[in-house]
C-alpha atoms as a PDB file:
ATOM      1  CA  MET A   1       0.043  -0.147  -0.141  1.00  0.00           C
ATOM      2  CA  ASN A   2       2.914   2.357   0.997  1.00  0.00           C
ATOM      3  CA  SER A   3       4.601   1.779  -2.295  1.00  0.00           C
ATOM      4  CA  ALA A   4       1.369   2.585  -4.417  1.00  0.00           C
ATOM      5  CA  ILE A   5       1.138   6.009  -2.300  1.00  0.00           C
ATOM      6  CA  ALA A   6       4.657   6.572  -3.321  1.00  0.00           C
ATOM      7  CA  ILE A   7       4.167   5.804  -6.755  1.00  0.00           C
ATOM      8  CA  PHE A   8       1.026   8.128  -7.070  1.00  0.00           C
ATOM      9  CA  GLN A   9       2.918  10.843  -5.392  1.00  0.00           C
ATOM     10  CA  LYS A  10       5.773  10.571  -8.147  1.00  0.00           C
ATOM     11  CA  ILE A  11       3.293  10.889 -10.945  1.00  0.00           C
ATOM     12  CA  VAL A  12       1.091  13.447  -9.443  1.00  0.00           C
ATOM     13  CA  GLY A  13       3.932  15.402  -8.202  1.00  0.00           C
ATOM     14  CA  PHE A  14       3.015  16.476  -4.753  1.00  0.00           C
ATOM     15  CA  LYS A  15       2.053  14.659  -1.448  1.00  0.00           C
ATOM     16  CA  LEU A  16      -1.229  13.540  -0.482  1.00  0.00           C
ATOM     17  CA  GLY A  17      -1.420  16.058   2.125  1.00  0.00           C
ATOM     18  CA  THR A  18      -1.175  18.774  -0.135  1.00  0.00           C
ATOM     19  CA  LEU A  19      -4.039  17.216  -2.311  1.00  0.00           C
ATOM     20  CA  ALA A  20      -6.277  16.874   0.673  1.00  0.00           C
ATOM     21  CA  ILE A  21      -5.925  20.713   1.767  1.00  0.00           C
ATOM     22  CA  ILE A  22      -6.578  21.605  -1.890  1.00  0.00           C
ATOM     23  CA  ALA A  23      -9.843  19.590  -1.785  1.00  0.00           C
ATOM     24  CA  ALA A  24     -10.864  20.822   1.662  1.00  0.00           C
ATOM     25  CA  PHE A  25     -10.563  24.430   0.615  1.00  0.00           C
ATOM     26  CA  ALA A  26     -12.376  23.644  -2.852  1.00  0.00           C
ATOM     27  CA  ASN A  27     -15.136  21.874  -0.842  1.00  0.00           C
ATOM     28  CA  VAL A  28     -15.684  24.789   1.667  1.00  0.00           C
ATOM     29  CA  SER A  29     -15.662  27.408  -1.117  1.00  0.00           C
ATOM     30  CA  ALA A  30     -18.215  25.141  -3.144  1.00  0.00           C
ATOM     31  CA  ILE A  31     -20.498  24.683   0.149  1.00  0.00           C
ATOM     32  CA  ALA A  32     -20.460  28.378   0.645  1.00  0.00           C
ATOM     33  CA  GLN A  33     -21.567  29.278  -2.722  1.00  0.00           C
ATOM     34  CA  GLU A  34     -24.475  26.757  -3.368  1.00  0.00           C
ATOM     35  CA  ALA A  35     -28.008  27.382  -3.073  1.00  0.00           C
ATOM     36  CA  ASN A  36     -31.175  25.537  -3.580  1.00  0.00           C
ATOM     37  CA  PHE A  37     -33.126  27.919  -5.437  1.00  0.00           C
ATOM     38  CA  GLY A  38     -30.747  31.060  -6.491  1.00  0.00           C
ATOM     39  CA  LYS A  39     -28.529  33.841  -5.912  1.00  0.00           C
ATOM     40  CA  VAL A  40     -28.627  37.624  -5.807  1.00  0.00           C
ATOM     41  CA  ALA A  41     -26.254  40.499  -5.331  1.00  0.00           C
ATOM     42  CA  LEU A  42     -27.026  44.067  -4.171  1.00  0.00           C
ATOM     43  CA  SER A  43     -25.267  47.245  -4.514  1.00  0.00           C
ATOM     44  CA  THR A  44     -26.118  50.982  -4.614  1.00  0.00           C
ATOM     45  CA  ALA A  45     -26.760  50.426  -8.647  1.00  0.00           C
ATOM     46  CA  ASN A  46     -29.003  47.163  -7.937  1.00  0.00           C
ATOM     47  CA  PRO A  47     -30.631  47.727  -4.462  1.00  0.00           C
ATOM     48  CA  VAL A  48     -33.507  45.284  -4.930  1.00  0.00           C
ATOM     49  CA  GLY A  49     -33.535  41.411  -4.909  1.00  0.00           C
ATOM     50  CA  ARG A  50     -36.503  39.306  -5.858  1.00  0.00           C
ATOM     51  CA  LEU A  51     -36.000  35.327  -5.561  1.00  0.00           C
ATOM     52  CA  SER A  52     -38.282  32.439  -5.468  1.00  0.00           C
ATOM     53  CA  GLY A  53     -38.381  28.888  -4.292  1.00  0.00           C
ATOM     54  CA  SER A  54     -40.171  26.443  -2.180  1.00  0.00           C
ATOM     55  CA  THR A  55     -40.198  25.185   1.510  1.00  0.00           C
ATOM     56  CA  GLY A  56     -40.456  21.587   2.066  1.00  0.00           C
ATOM     57  CA  GLY A  57     -37.310  20.437   4.169  1.00  0.00           C
ATOM     58  CA  SER A  58     -37.586  18.258   6.986  1.00  0.00           C
ATOM     59  CA  ILE A  59     -34.517  19.501   9.098  1.00  0.00           C
ATOM     60  CA  SER A  60     -35.017  21.517  12.162  1.00  0.00           C
ATOM     61  CA  LEU A  61     -33.277  25.202  11.158  1.00  0.00           C
ATOM     62  CA  PRO A  62     -32.507  25.883  14.721  1.00  0.00           C
ATOM     63  CA  ALA A  63     -30.540  22.580  15.042  1.00  0.00           C
ATOM     64  CA  ILE A  64     -28.171  23.393  11.929  1.00  0.00           C
ATOM     65  CA  ILE A  65     -27.742  27.128  12.521  1.00  0.00           C
ATOM     66  CA  SER A  66     -28.875  28.532  15.857  1.00  0.00           C
ATOM     67  CA  ASN A  67     -31.809  28.567  18.532  1.00  0.00           C
ATOM     68  CA  MET A  68     -31.629  32.190  18.756  1.00  0.00           C
ATOM     69  CA  ASP A  69     -30.257  35.165  16.634  1.00  0.00           C
ATOM     70  CA  TYR A  70     -27.911  38.025  17.775  1.00  0.00           C
ATOM     71  CA  ARG A  71     -31.004  39.976  18.964  1.00  0.00           C
ATOM     72  CA  ASN A  72     -32.270  37.006  20.966  1.00  0.00           C
ATOM     73  CA  ASN A  73     -35.140  36.319  18.487  1.00  0.00           C
ATOM     74  CA  ARG A  74     -36.061  32.723  18.287  1.00  0.00           C
ATOM     75  CA  CYS A  75     -35.036  30.805  15.233  1.00  0.00           C
ATOM     76  CA  LEU A  76     -37.608  28.356  14.029  1.00  0.00           C
ATOM     77  CA  GLY A  77     -38.855  26.265  11.077  1.00  0.00           C
ATOM     78  CA  PHE A  78     -37.881  23.421   9.012  1.00  0.00           C
ATOM     79  CA  GLY A  79     -35.928  23.423   6.072  1.00  0.00           C
ATOM     80  CA  ASP A  80     -32.854  21.959   3.804  1.00  0.00           C
ATOM     81  CA  SER A  81     -29.423  21.593   5.175  1.00  0.00           C
ATOM     82  CA  LYS A  82     -28.314  23.609   2.043  1.00  0.00           C
ATOM     83  CA  PRO A  83     -29.378  27.230   2.282  1.00  0.00           C
ATOM     84  CA  ASP A  84     -32.310  28.255  -0.298  1.00  0.00           C
ATOM     85  CA  HIS A  85     -30.546  31.266  -1.466  1.00  0.00           C
ATOM     86  CA  ILE A  86     -27.251  33.199  -1.320  1.00  0.00           C
ATOM     87  CA  LEU A  87     -27.343  37.121  -0.763  1.00  0.00           C
ATOM     88  CA  THR A  88     -24.050  38.897  -1.739  1.00  0.00           C
ATOM     89  CA  LEU A  89     -23.872  42.547  -0.291  1.00  0.00           C
ATOM     90  CA  GLU A  90     -21.336  44.138  -2.454  1.00  0.00           C
ATOM     91  CA  GLN A  91     -21.353  47.302   0.091  1.00  0.00           C
ATOM     92  CA  ASN A  92     -22.660  48.302   3.587  1.00  0.00           C
ATOM     93  CA  PHE A  93     -26.692  48.524   3.831  1.00  0.00           C
ATOM     94  CA  PRO A  94     -27.671  50.727   6.710  1.00  0.00           C
ATOM     95  CA  SER A  95     -31.162  48.587   6.666  1.00  0.00           C
ATOM     96  CA  LEU A  96     -32.220  45.948   4.744  1.00  0.00           C
ATOM     97  CA  SER A  97     -35.774  44.256   4.758  1.00  0.00           C
ATOM     98  CA  LEU A  98     -36.318  40.711   3.631  1.00  0.00           C
ATOM     99  CA  ARG A  99     -39.811  39.603   3.229  1.00  0.00           C
ATOM    100  CA  VAL A 100     -41.313  36.291   2.187  1.00  0.00           C
ATOM    101  CA  SER A 101     -44.706  35.972   0.404  1.00  0.00           C
ATOM    102  CA  SER A 102     -46.319  32.539   0.456  1.00  0.00           C
ATOM    103  CA  GLY A 103     -49.642  32.813   1.862  1.00  0.00           C
ATOM    104  CA  SER A 104     -48.535  30.408   4.366  1.00  0.00           C
ATOM    105  CA  ASP A 105     -46.751  30.296   7.806  1.00  0.00           C
ATOM    106  CA  THR A 106     -43.029  30.536   6.824  1.00  0.00           C
ATOM    107  CA  THR A 107     -39.924  31.372   8.624  1.00  0.00           C
ATOM    108  CA  LEU A 108     -36.603  32.952   7.785  1.00  0.00           C
ATOM    109  CA  VAL A 109     -33.004  32.500   8.848  1.00  0.00           C
ATOM    110  CA  VAL A 110     -30.097  34.370   7.361  1.00  0.00           C
ATOM    111  CA  GLN A 111     -26.562  33.632   8.485  1.00  0.00           C
ATOM    112  CA  GLY A 112     -23.760  36.034   7.396  1.00  0.00           C
ATOM    113  CA  ALA A 113     -20.117  35.244   6.679  1.00  0.00           C
ATOM    114  CA  ASP A 114     -19.363  36.890   9.945  1.00  0.00           C
ATOM    115  CA  GLY A 115     -21.371  34.517  11.791  1.00  0.00           C
ATOM    116  CA  ILE A 116     -24.117  36.809  12.629  1.00  0.00           C
ATOM    117  CA  VAL A 117     -27.559  34.777  12.631  1.00  0.00           C
ATOM    118  CA  ARG A 118     -30.821  36.735  11.907  1.00  0.00           C
ATOM    119  CA  CYS A 119     -34.193  35.104  12.269  1.00  0.00           C
ATOM    120  CA  GLY A 120     -37.768  35.885  11.490  1.00  0.00           C
ATOM    121  CA  ASP A 121     -41.263  34.555  11.896  1.00  0.00           C
ATOM    122  CA  ASP A 122     -44.971  35.687  11.574  1.00  0.00           C
ATOM    123  CA  THR A 123     -45.528  39.107  10.258  1.00  0.00           C
ATOM    124  CA  GLY A 124     -49.025  40.044   8.915  1.00  0.00           C
ATOM    125  CA  ALA A 125     -52.199  37.969   8.742  1.00  0.00           C
ATOM    126  CA  GLN A 126     -50.613  34.968   6.622  1.00  0.00           C
ATOM    127  CA  LYS A 127     -48.036  34.533   9.127  1.00  0.00           C
ATOM    128  CA  ASP A 128     -45.414  34.983   6.435  1.00  0.00           C
ATOM    129  CA  ALA A 129     -41.725  35.674   7.809  1.00  0.00           C
ATOM    130  CA  SER A 130     -39.860  38.887   7.387  1.00  0.00           C
ATOM    131  CA  ILE A 131     -36.392  40.502   8.863  1.00  0.00           C
ATOM    132  CA  VAL A 132     -35.994  44.045   8.962  1.00  0.00           C
ATOM    133  CA  ASP A 133     -32.645  45.060  10.474  1.00  0.00           C
ATOM    134  CA  THR A 134     -29.651  47.418  10.290  1.00  0.00           C
ATOM    135  CA  ASN A 135     -26.044  47.274  10.004  1.00  0.00           C
ATOM    136  CA  TRP A 136     -25.429  44.872   7.008  1.00  0.00           C
ATOM    137  CA  LYS A 137     -21.917  44.461   6.178  1.00  0.00           C
ATOM    138  CA  PRO A 138     -20.333  43.493   2.752  1.00  0.00           C
ATOM    139  CA  GLY A 139     -20.217  39.770   2.383  1.00  0.00           C
ATOM    140  CA  ILE A 140     -21.970  36.581   1.530  1.00  0.00           C
ATOM    141  CA  TYR A 141     -25.284  35.681   3.355  1.00  0.00           C
ATOM    142  CA  ARG A 142     -26.983  32.066   3.409  1.00  0.00           C
ATOM    143  CA  ILE A 143     -30.815  32.409   3.546  1.00  0.00           C
ATOM    144  CA  TRP A 144     -32.973  29.626   4.547  1.00  0.00           C
ATOM    145  CA  VAL A 145     -36.916  30.089   3.874  1.00  0.00           C
ATOM    146  CA  GLY A 146     -38.583  27.504   6.280  1.00  0.00           C
ATOM    147  CA  SER A 147     -41.991  26.303   7.128  1.00  0.00           C
ATOM    148  CA  ALA A 148     -43.645  25.702  10.295  1.00  0.00           C
ATOM    149  CA  ALA A 149     -44.249  22.082  10.008  1.00  0.00           C
ATOM    150  CA  PRO A 150     -41.441  19.635   8.470  1.00  0.00           C
ATOM    151  CA  SER A 151     -41.982  18.861   4.893  1.00  0.00           C
ATOM    152  CA  SER A 152     -44.633  21.130   4.182  1.00  0.00           C
ATOM    153  CA  GLN A 153     -44.321  22.455   0.497  1.00  0.00           C
ATOM    154  CA  ARG A 154     -45.257  26.141  -0.031  1.00  0.00           C
ATOM    155  CA  ASN A 155     -44.172  28.032  -3.151  1.00  0.00           C
ATOM    156  CA  TYR A 156     -42.759  31.549  -2.214  1.00  0.00           C
ATOM    157  CA  ARG A 157     -41.230  34.790  -3.279  1.00  0.00           C
ATOM    158  CA  LEU A 158     -38.659  36.249  -1.123  1.00  0.00           C
ATOM    159  CA  THR A 159     -38.215  40.267  -1.566  1.00  0.00           C
ATOM    160  CA  ILE A 160     -34.798  41.900  -0.332  1.00  0.00           C
ATOM    161  CA  GLN A 161     -34.789  45.804  -0.299  1.00  0.00           C
ATOM    162  CA  PRO A 162     -33.355  48.662   1.825  1.00  0.00           C
END
C-alpha cells in the first residue's frame, strides 16, 4: 500500500497531504456558494433582489444554524441543510428588509459570513416571515426560508430591499 502511495505521489508531483488541503478548501468554497434556488447580489446600482423557491425540508433550522439570533429572536422552522438562497452584499447597507410572500406560515433564517444570525417569523395575517434589521456588512449571506411544519411544501417569493 505504501509503495502505491509513493508511486502516485511521484506521478502527480506532490504529496497527498497537499491534495487533501486543496480538496478541503475547494469543498468549503463550493459549500459557501451553493443554494437550492438562487443567488442575488445587491449594490447601490442594484438595491433590490427578488427570488423564489419552495419550502419543504424536514431538518430543524435551529438545529443546523442557531436557536436564537444575535438580538435574541427565536430561530424556527424546517428546511434543507443547504441554504435556499445566497445573498451577496457588495457594500454596507444601513438597513435591509427581507420579506417572504407565500400565503402560509413561513420562517426566515439568515447567516452572514461573519457568523451573525438573523431570524424572522410571523408578520401579518398570513404568518409569512420577514426580517427588518440594520448594519448589514458587505459579504455573503446564506438564507433559509422554512416552514412551520416539517416537509410542508409552499411556493414563495422573497424580496430583499433597503
